[in-house]
Amino acid sequence: MTWATGAQTRIPPDVLNHVHAHDVAGSLAMMPVGQALAAPAASAARVLLVPGARSFADRAAALLIRAARGPVRVHTVRPAPAAPRPCPSGPARTSAG
C-alpha cells in the first residue's frame, strides 16, 4: 500500500490536510540531508546495492506489522443519492372543459 492510499483511507478527513502538510514539510526539510549523505556513498556498487537492500528490508519489515497487512478504513464514502425517475405514464394531463 502506498503512503497516499494509506493516508486517505486511514486518516479522518478533517485532519488529512494537516497530516499531508506535515508530510510535505518533512520531505522538503530532509532533502538536503539526503543529498549530503548521497555524495559520500557515490561509488557505483553502493549506489545500486545499498538502496536496493534497504528498500527490500523496509518492505519485509512492514509485512511484520499486522496493521500493514490488513488495513481498516476509518471512513467510508457514501454514494450520491439517485436522481428521481420520471413518471412512466408521462406528465399529468388536465382536462379542458
Protein backbone atom coordinates (compact mmCIF):
# COMPACT_ATOMS: atom_id res chain seq x y z
CA MET A 1 0.00 0.00 0.00
CA THR A 2 1.38 3.40 -0.88
CA TRP A 3 1.55 6.30 1.57
CA ALA A 4 -1.14 8.23 -0.31
CA THR A 5 -3.61 5.34 -0.28
CA GLY A 6 -2.96 4.56 3.36
CA ALA A 7 -3.32 8.17 4.41
CA GLN A 8 -6.55 8.71 2.51
CA THR A 9 -8.20 5.55 3.81
CA ARG A 10 -6.95 5.53 7.41
CA ILE A 11 -6.77 9.20 8.46
CA PRO A 12 -10.03 11.03 9.22
CA PRO A 13 -10.89 13.61 6.53
CA ASP A 14 -10.94 16.54 8.94
CA VAL A 15 -7.20 16.15 9.71
CA LEU A 16 -5.97 14.71 6.41
CA ASN A 17 -4.86 18.09 5.05
CA HIS A 18 -2.88 18.79 8.23
CA VAL A 19 -1.13 15.40 8.04
CA HIS A 20 -0.31 15.95 4.36
CA ALA A 21 1.18 19.39 5.13
CA HIS A 22 3.49 17.87 7.73
CA ASP A 23 4.45 15.09 5.31
CA VAL A 24 5.45 17.58 2.61
CA ALA A 25 7.28 19.83 5.06
CA GLY A 26 9.26 16.89 6.46
CA SER A 27 10.14 15.64 2.99
CA LEU A 28 11.37 19.06 1.90
CA ALA A 29 13.31 19.59 5.13
CA MET A 30 15.16 16.27 4.76
CA MET A 31 16.06 16.74 1.09
CA PRO A 32 19.41 18.49 1.81
CA VAL A 33 20.30 15.75 4.32
CA GLY A 34 19.70 13.09 1.68
CA GLN A 35 21.81 14.97 -0.84
CA ALA A 36 24.65 15.38 1.67
CA LEU A 37 24.58 11.67 2.51
CA ALA A 38 24.45 10.67 -1.16
CA ALA A 39 27.76 12.36 -2.00
CA PRO A 40 29.99 10.08 0.14
CA ALA A 41 28.06 6.98 -0.95
CA ALA A 42 28.55 7.71 -4.65
CA SER A 43 30.54 4.64 -5.62
CA ALA A 44 28.75 2.62 -8.31
CA ALA A 45 28.25 -0.55 -6.28
CA ARG A 46 26.94 1.16 -3.18
CA VAL A 47 24.65 3.48 -5.10
CA LEU A 48 22.76 0.49 -6.53
CA LEU A 49 23.13 -2.16 -3.84
CA VAL A 50 22.60 -0.23 -0.61
CA PRO A 51 19.29 1.43 -1.57
CA GLY A 52 18.04 -1.81 -3.13
CA ALA A 53 18.83 -3.79 0.02
CA ARG A 54 17.34 -1.07 2.20
CA SER A 55 14.16 -0.97 0.11
CA PHE A 56 13.78 -4.75 0.37
CA ALA A 57 14.41 -4.70 4.13
CA ASP A 58 11.89 -1.90 4.67
CA ARG A 59 9.15 -3.75 2.82
CA ALA A 60 9.94 -7.02 4.57
CA ALA A 61 9.80 -5.25 7.95
CA ALA A 62 6.49 -3.60 7.04
CA LEU A 63 4.95 -7.02 6.41
CA LEU A 64 5.74 -7.96 10.00
CA ILE A 65 3.29 -5.30 11.23
CA ARG A 66 -0.20 -6.76 11.44
CA ALA A 67 -1.92 -3.42 10.74
CA ALA A 68 0.02 -3.06 7.49
CA ARG A 69 -1.15 -6.46 6.26
CA GLY A 70 -4.85 -5.76 6.84
CA PRO A 71 -5.61 -2.04 6.96
CA VAL A 72 -9.03 -0.89 8.18
CA ARG A 73 -10.82 2.10 6.68
CA VAL A 74 -11.53 4.91 9.10
CA HIS A 75 -14.32 6.37 6.99
CA THR A 76 -16.35 5.26 4.03
CA VAL A 77 -17.59 7.25 1.07
CA ARG A 78 -21.35 7.18 0.67
CA PRO A 79 -22.72 7.08 -2.88
CA ALA A 80 -24.64 10.11 -4.11
CA PRO A 81 -28.44 9.78 -3.95
CA ALA A 82 -30.03 8.54 -7.13
CA ALA A 83 -31.72 11.07 -9.39
CA PRO A 84 -35.54 10.92 -9.33
CA ARG A 85 -37.00 8.79 -12.08
CA PRO A 86 -39.57 10.26 -14.50
CA CYS A 87 -43.13 9.08 -14.16
CA PRO A 88 -43.66 6.14 -16.56
CA SER A 89 -47.10 7.36 -17.64
CA GLY A 90 -45.79 10.78 -18.71
CA PRO A 91 -46.76 14.22 -17.46
CA ALA A 92 -50.12 14.71 -15.77
CA ARG A 93 -52.90 15.72 -18.18
CA THR A 94 -55.57 18.22 -17.39
CA SER A 95 -59.00 18.18 -18.93
CA ALA A 96 -60.12 21.31 -20.72
CA GLY A 97 -63.70 21.56 -20.13
